[in-house]
């Protein structure tokens, strides 16, 4: 009998930096099939330094959450 394997891919609903809920409207729409308003991230500013903190395996797989974006903005 085999045991369930843990997914090797990041959870697209979780921030790749802190693991918190990223509230990605695009992911919610993909999961539910229900049209969502524009995602909060469309109006956010992401610095190159913030993107550089994303682990390689999570790049392009999961969105950074608003809390991490806010913390990064406060540090600049």
N, C-alpha and C. Protein backbone atom coordinates (compact mmCIF):
# COMPACT_ATOMS: atom_id res chain seq x y z
N UNK A 1 0.85 -1.17 0.00
CA UNK A 1 0.00 0.00 0.00
C UNK A 1 0.90 1.23 0.00
N UNK A 2 0.58 2.19 -0.86
CA UNK A 2 1.42 3.39 -0.94
C UNK A 2 0.79 4.52 -0.14
N UNK A 3 1.63 5.38 0.37
CA UNK A 3 1.14 6.54 1.12
C UNK A 3 0.97 7.71 0.18
N UNK A 4 0.05 8.62 0.48
CA UNK A 4 -0.14 9.78 -0.38
C UNK A 4 1.13 10.61 -0.43
N UNK A 5 1.45 11.05 -1.63
CA UNK A 5 2.63 11.89 -1.79
C UNK A 5 2.26 13.35 -1.65
N UNK A 6 3.10 14.09 -1.00
CA UNK A 6 2.90 15.53 -0.88
C UNK A 6 3.19 16.16 -2.23
N UNK A 7 2.36 17.07 -2.66
CA UNK A 7 2.57 17.75 -3.93
C UNK A 7 3.90 18.48 -3.93
N UNK A 8 4.59 18.37 -5.04
CA UNK A 8 5.86 19.07 -5.18
C UNK A 8 5.67 20.50 -5.66
N UNK A 9 4.46 20.81 -6.14
CA UNK A 9 4.19 22.15 -6.64
C UNK A 9 3.67 23.04 -5.52
N UNK A 10 3.97 24.34 -5.59
CA UNK A 10 3.43 25.27 -4.59
C UNK A 10 1.90 25.36 -4.70
N UNK A 11 1.25 25.67 -3.60
CA UNK A 11 -0.19 25.89 -3.58
C UNK A 11 -0.45 27.27 -4.18
N UNK A 12 -1.16 27.36 -5.32
CA UNK A 12 -1.39 28.66 -5.95
C UNK A 12 -2.23 29.62 -5.11
N UNK A 13 -2.90 29.13 -4.08
CA UNK A 13 -3.69 29.97 -3.20
C UNK A 13 -2.92 30.49 -2.00
N UNK A 14 -1.63 30.12 -1.90
CA UNK A 14 -0.79 30.52 -0.77
C UNK A 14 0.40 31.33 -1.24
N UNK A 15 0.75 32.33 -0.46
CA UNK A 15 1.91 33.18 -0.75
C UNK A 15 3.19 32.33 -0.69
N UNK A 16 4.06 32.43 -1.71
CA UNK A 16 5.29 31.65 -1.69
C UNK A 16 6.31 32.15 -0.67
N UNK A 17 6.07 33.32 -0.09
CA UNK A 17 7.01 33.88 0.89
C UNK A 17 6.62 33.55 2.33
N UNK A 18 5.34 33.72 2.67
CA UNK A 18 4.92 33.51 4.06
C UNK A 18 3.96 32.33 4.24
N UNK A 19 3.40 31.84 3.16
CA UNK A 19 2.45 30.73 3.24
C UNK A 19 1.03 31.15 3.54
N UNK A 20 0.81 32.46 3.69
CA UNK A 20 -0.54 32.96 3.96
C UNK A 20 -1.41 32.95 2.72
N UNK A 21 -2.71 33.14 2.92
CA UNK A 21 -3.67 33.20 1.82
C UNK A 21 -3.35 34.42 0.96
N UNK A 22 -3.16 34.22 -0.34
CA UNK A 22 -2.80 35.35 -1.19
C UNK A 22 -4.01 36.07 -1.79
N UNK A 23 -5.20 35.51 -1.60
CA UNK A 23 -6.45 36.14 -2.08
C UNK A 23 -6.39 36.47 -3.56
N UNK A 24 -5.79 35.59 -4.35
CA UNK A 24 -5.65 35.80 -5.79
C UNK A 24 -6.99 35.60 -6.48
N UNK A 25 -7.55 36.67 -7.05
CA UNK A 25 -8.85 36.58 -7.72
C UNK A 25 -8.77 35.66 -8.93
N UNK A 26 -7.65 35.65 -9.61
CA UNK A 26 -7.50 34.79 -10.79
C UNK A 26 -7.53 33.31 -10.39
N UNK A 27 -6.91 32.98 -9.26
CA UNK A 27 -6.93 31.59 -8.78
C UNK A 27 -8.32 31.22 -8.29
N UNK A 28 -9.01 32.14 -7.62
CA UNK A 28 -10.38 31.87 -7.16
C UNK A 28 -11.27 31.61 -8.37
N UNK A 29 -11.12 32.41 -9.42
CA UNK A 29 -11.92 32.23 -10.63
C UNK A 29 -11.61 30.87 -11.28
N UNK A 30 -10.33 30.51 -11.31
CA UNK A 30 -9.94 29.23 -11.90
C UNK A 30 -10.55 28.07 -11.11
N UNK A 31 -10.53 28.16 -9.78
CA UNK A 31 -11.06 27.09 -8.93
C UNK A 31 -12.58 26.99 -8.98
N UNK A 32 -13.25 28.13 -8.99
CA UNK A 32 -14.72 28.12 -8.88
C UNK A 32 -15.44 28.23 -10.22
N UNK A 33 -14.76 28.75 -11.23
CA UNK A 33 -15.40 28.99 -12.51
C UNK A 33 -16.27 30.24 -12.50
N UNK A 34 -16.27 30.96 -11.38
CA UNK A 34 -17.08 32.17 -11.25
C UNK A 34 -16.23 33.40 -11.52
N UNK A 35 -16.76 34.29 -12.36
CA UNK A 35 -16.07 35.53 -12.70
C UNK A 35 -15.78 36.32 -11.44
N UNK A 36 -14.56 36.85 -11.34
CA UNK A 36 -14.13 37.64 -10.18
C UNK A 36 -13.79 39.06 -10.62
N UNK A 37 -13.88 40.01 -9.72
CA UNK A 37 -13.42 41.37 -10.04
C UNK A 37 -11.91 41.35 -10.23
N UNK A 38 -11.34 42.41 -10.79
CA UNK A 38 -9.88 42.44 -10.95
C UNK A 38 -9.17 42.17 -9.63
N UNK A 39 -8.09 41.43 -9.70
CA UNK A 39 -7.33 41.06 -8.50
C UNK A 39 -6.70 42.31 -7.87
N UNK A 40 -6.55 42.28 -6.55
CA UNK A 40 -5.94 43.38 -5.80
C UNK A 40 -4.54 43.68 -6.34
N UNK A 41 -3.87 42.66 -6.85
CA UNK A 41 -2.48 42.84 -7.27
C UNK A 41 -2.33 43.70 -8.51
N UNK A 42 -3.42 43.89 -9.25
CA UNK A 42 -3.34 44.70 -10.47
C UNK A 42 -3.00 46.16 -10.15
N UNK A 43 -3.27 46.60 -8.93
CA UNK A 43 -2.95 47.96 -8.53
C UNK A 43 -1.76 48.06 -7.59
N UNK A 44 -1.11 46.92 -7.34
CA UNK A 44 0.02 46.89 -6.40
C UNK A 44 1.34 47.06 -7.12
N UNK A 45 2.34 47.53 -6.39
CA UNK A 45 3.70 47.66 -6.92
C UNK A 45 4.57 46.57 -6.32
N UNK A 46 5.21 45.82 -7.18
CA UNK A 46 6.10 44.73 -6.77
C UNK A 46 7.53 45.12 -7.14
N UNK A 47 8.41 45.15 -6.17
CA UNK A 47 9.80 45.51 -6.45
C UNK A 47 10.59 44.29 -6.93
N UNK A 48 11.65 44.53 -7.70
CA UNK A 48 12.51 43.41 -8.11
C UNK A 48 13.07 42.65 -6.91
N UNK A 49 13.36 43.36 -5.82
CA UNK A 49 13.89 42.70 -4.62
C UNK A 49 12.86 41.74 -4.02
N UNK A 50 11.59 42.11 -4.08
CA UNK A 50 10.53 41.23 -3.57
C UNK A 50 10.43 39.97 -4.43
N UNK A 51 10.44 40.15 -5.75
CA UNK A 51 10.40 38.99 -6.65
C UNK A 51 11.61 38.09 -6.45
N UNK A 52 12.75 38.66 -6.15
CA UNK A 52 13.98 37.88 -5.96
C UNK A 52 13.88 36.94 -4.76
N UNK A 53 13.00 37.24 -3.82
CA UNK A 53 12.84 36.40 -2.63
C UNK A 53 12.00 35.14 -2.88
N UNK A 54 11.32 35.08 -4.01
CA UNK A 54 10.47 33.92 -4.31
C UNK A 54 11.35 32.71 -4.63
N UNK A 55 11.12 31.58 -3.97
CA UNK A 55 11.90 30.38 -4.28
C UNK A 55 11.72 29.99 -5.75
N UNK A 56 12.76 29.49 -6.36
CA UNK A 56 12.72 29.13 -7.78
C UNK A 56 11.53 28.25 -8.13
N UNK A 57 11.23 27.25 -7.28
CA UNK A 57 10.15 26.31 -7.59
C UNK A 57 8.76 26.95 -7.52
N UNK A 58 8.65 28.13 -6.93
CA UNK A 58 7.36 28.81 -6.81
C UNK A 58 7.18 29.93 -7.84
N UNK A 59 8.22 30.26 -8.57
CA UNK A 59 8.13 31.36 -9.55
C UNK A 59 7.09 31.02 -10.62
N UNK A 60 6.16 31.94 -10.82
CA UNK A 60 5.11 31.75 -11.81
C UNK A 60 4.04 30.75 -11.39
N UNK A 61 4.08 30.27 -10.16
CA UNK A 61 3.14 29.26 -9.68
C UNK A 61 2.16 29.78 -8.64
N UNK A 62 2.57 30.80 -7.87
CA UNK A 62 1.74 31.32 -6.79
C UNK A 62 2.02 32.80 -6.60
N UNK A 63 0.98 33.54 -6.25
CA UNK A 63 1.09 34.99 -6.07
C UNK A 63 1.55 35.37 -4.66
N UNK A 64 2.29 36.45 -4.59
CA UNK A 64 2.70 37.02 -3.31
C UNK A 64 1.46 37.67 -2.67
N UNK A 65 1.31 37.56 -1.36
CA UNK A 65 0.14 38.13 -0.68
C UNK A 65 0.31 39.64 -0.44
N UNK A 66 -0.82 40.29 -0.15
CA UNK A 66 -0.82 41.73 0.09
C UNK A 66 0.02 42.09 1.31
N UNK A 67 0.03 41.24 2.33
CA UNK A 67 0.81 41.53 3.54
C UNK A 67 2.30 41.59 3.21
N UNK A 68 2.79 40.65 2.42
CA UNK A 68 4.22 40.65 2.05
C UNK A 68 4.56 41.83 1.15
N UNK A 69 3.64 42.19 0.25
CA UNK A 69 3.86 43.36 -0.60
C UNK A 69 3.93 44.61 0.27
N UNK A 70 3.02 44.72 1.24
CA UNK A 70 3.01 45.87 2.15
C UNK A 70 4.27 45.97 2.98
N UNK A 71 4.74 44.84 3.50
CA UNK A 71 5.97 44.84 4.29
C UNK A 71 7.16 45.26 3.45
N UNK A 72 7.22 44.78 2.21
CA UNK A 72 8.33 45.14 1.33
C UNK A 72 8.29 46.63 1.00
N UNK A 73 7.09 47.17 0.78
CA UNK A 73 6.96 48.60 0.48
C UNK A 73 7.39 49.45 1.66
N UNK A 74 7.09 49.00 2.87
CA UNK A 74 7.46 49.75 4.07
C UNK A 74 8.96 49.76 4.30
N UNK A 75 9.66 48.78 3.75
CA UNK A 75 11.11 48.68 3.93
C UNK A 75 11.89 49.47 2.90
N UNK A 76 11.20 50.00 1.88
CA UNK A 76 11.92 50.76 0.84
C UNK A 76 11.87 52.24 1.10
